[in-house]
C-alpha atoms as a PDB file:
ATOM      1  CA  MET A   1      92.960  99.010  94.897  1.00  0.00           C
ATOM      2  CA  SER A   2      97.058  99.047  94.164  1.00  0.00           C
ATOM      3  CA  ASP A   3      96.805 102.546  93.061  1.00  0.00           C
ATOM      4  CA  HIS A   4      95.785 103.504  96.621  1.00  0.00           C
ATOM      5  CA  ILE A   5      98.716 101.243  98.307  1.00  0.00           C
ATOM      6  CA  TYR A   6     101.176 102.950  95.812  1.00  0.00           C
ATOM      7  CA  SER A   7     100.416 105.985  97.094  1.00  0.00           C
ATOM      8  CA  TRP A   8     100.719 105.215 100.151  1.00  0.00           C
ATOM      9  CA  LEU A   9     104.158 103.631  99.574  1.00  0.00           C
ATOM     10  CA  LEU A  10     105.235 106.993  98.111  1.00  0.00           C
ATOM     11  CA  SER A  11     104.994 108.863 101.069  1.00  0.00           C
ATOM     12  CA  PRO A  12     108.478 109.612 102.736  1.00  0.00           C
ATOM     13  CA  GLU A  13     107.682 107.249 106.160  1.00  0.00           C
ATOM     14  CA  ASN A  14     107.547 104.259 103.576  1.00  0.00           C
ATOM     15  CA  ALA A  15     110.348 104.862 101.522  1.00  0.00           C
ATOM     16  CA  ASP A  16     112.467 102.010 102.749  1.00  0.00           C
ATOM     17  CA  LEU A  17     109.734  99.637 101.655  1.00  0.00           C
ATOM     18  CA  GLU A  18     108.922 101.726  98.315  1.00  0.00           C
ATOM     19  CA  GLU A  19     112.528 101.116  97.234  1.00  0.00           C
ATOM     20  CA  GLN A  20     112.296  97.466  97.811  1.00  0.00           C
ATOM     21  CA  PHE A  21     109.304  96.720  96.000  1.00  0.00           C
ATOM     22  CA  ARG A  22     111.028  98.834  92.941  1.00  0.00           C
ATOM     23  CA  CYS A  23     114.104  96.668  93.266  1.00  0.00           C
ATOM     24  CA  GLN A  24     112.019  93.980  92.882  1.00  0.00           C
ATOM     25  CA  GLY A  25     111.244  94.732  89.081  1.00  0.00           C
ATOM     26  CA  VAL A  26     107.497  92.985  89.863  1.00  0.00           C
ATOM     27  CA  PRO A  27     104.300  95.018  89.089  1.00  0.00           C
ATOM     28  CA  LEU A  28     102.687  95.976  92.711  1.00  0.00           C
ATOM     29  CA  THR A  29      99.494  94.252  91.154  1.00  0.00           C
ATOM     30  CA  THR A  30     100.942  91.286  90.954  1.00  0.00           C
ATOM     31  CA  LEU A  31     103.033  91.122  94.173  1.00  0.00           C
ATOM     32  CA  LEU A  32      99.582  91.756  96.182  1.00  0.00           C
ATOM     33  CA  ALA A  33      97.524  89.226  94.475  1.00  0.00           C
ATOM     34  CA  GLY A  34      99.023  86.248  96.454  1.00  0.00           C
ATOM     35  CA  PRO A  35      98.255  88.050  99.910  1.00  0.00           C
ATOM     36  CA  PHE A  36      94.334  88.149  98.769  1.00  0.00           C
ATOM     37  CA  MET A  37      94.537  84.851  97.354  1.00  0.00           C
ATOM     38  CA  ALA A  38      95.834  83.109 100.601  1.00  0.00           C
ATOM     39  CA  LEU A  39      93.560  85.320 102.889  1.00  0.00           C
ATOM     40  CA  PHE A  40      91.589  82.573 103.680  1.00  0.00           C
ATOM     41  CA  ALA A  41      94.106  79.440 103.170  1.00  0.00           C
ATOM     42  CA  ASN A  42      95.441  77.189 105.928  1.00  0.00           C
ATOM     43  CA  ILE A  43      97.782  79.839 107.105  1.00  0.00           C
ATOM     44  CA  LEU A  44      95.395  81.124 109.598  1.00  0.00           C
ATOM     45  CA  ASP A  45      93.528  80.007 112.437  1.00  0.00           C
ATOM     46  CA  VAL A  46      89.642  80.045 112.236  1.00  0.00           C
ATOM     47  CA  GLU A  47      89.358  82.689 114.660  1.00  0.00           C
ATOM     48  CA  THR A  48      91.263  84.780 112.993  1.00  0.00           C
ATOM     49  CA  CYS A  49      89.735  84.464 109.688  1.00  0.00           C
ATOM     50  CA  LEU A  50      86.395  84.823 111.017  1.00  0.00           C
ATOM     51  CA  SER A  51      87.418  88.270 112.985  1.00  0.00           C
ATOM     52  CA  ILE A  52      89.169  89.241 109.197  1.00  0.00           C
ATOM     53  CA  LEU A  53      85.656  88.201 107.255  1.00  0.00           C
ATOM     54  CA  ASP A  54      83.870  90.095 109.594  1.00  0.00           C
ATOM     55  CA  LEU A  55      85.704  93.156 109.173  1.00  0.00           C
ATOM     56  CA  VAL A  56      85.663  92.726 105.271  1.00  0.00           C
ATOM     57  CA  ILE A  57      81.478  92.411 105.515  1.00  0.00           C
ATOM     58  CA  LEU A  58      81.356  95.648 107.893  1.00  0.00           C
ATOM     59  CA  MET A  59      83.735  97.828 106.131  1.00  0.00           C
ATOM     60  CA  LYS A  60      84.569  96.323 102.711  1.00  0.00           C
ATOM     61  CA  ARG A  61      87.808  98.254 100.872  1.00  0.00           C
ATOM     62  CA  GLU A  62      89.546 100.042 103.689  1.00  0.00           C
ATOM     63  CA  VAL A  63      89.752  96.736 105.838  1.00  0.00           C
ATOM     64  CA  LEU A  64      91.513  95.454 103.045  1.00  0.00           C
ATOM     65  CA  LEU A  65      93.616  98.222 102.455  1.00  0.00           C
ATOM     66  CA  LEU A  66      94.851  98.383 106.360  1.00  0.00           C
ATOM     67  CA  ILE A  67      95.369  94.672 106.294  1.00  0.00           C
ATOM     68  CA  VAL A  68      97.730  95.222 103.214  1.00  0.00           C
ATOM     69  CA  LYS A  69      99.204  98.195 104.916  1.00  0.00           C
ATOM     70  CA  ASN A  70     100.043  96.119 108.365  1.00  0.00           C
ATOM     71  CA  VAL A  71     101.432  93.027 106.667  1.00  0.00           C
ATOM     72  CA  LEU A  72     103.691  95.377 104.474  1.00  0.00           C
ATOM     73  CA  THR A  73     104.950  96.736 107.482  1.00  0.00           C
ATOM     74  CA  GLU A  74     105.534  94.172 109.897  1.00  0.00           C
END
């Protein structure tokens, strides 16, 4: 999945974001691990967690990619 996100980062409209990742010097896989491990931690309200869980069940990988892209661009 990190390969897909990296390909997305290489698009011209995400050049600034990709540069930020590159400047950090940390592998993308490492940077993405935290958000996935904390997805259902005590940082979101119950309704949001349930909505995300519903989307993950219905859309699987595609929704996880959308979540990562939205988090990175916000």
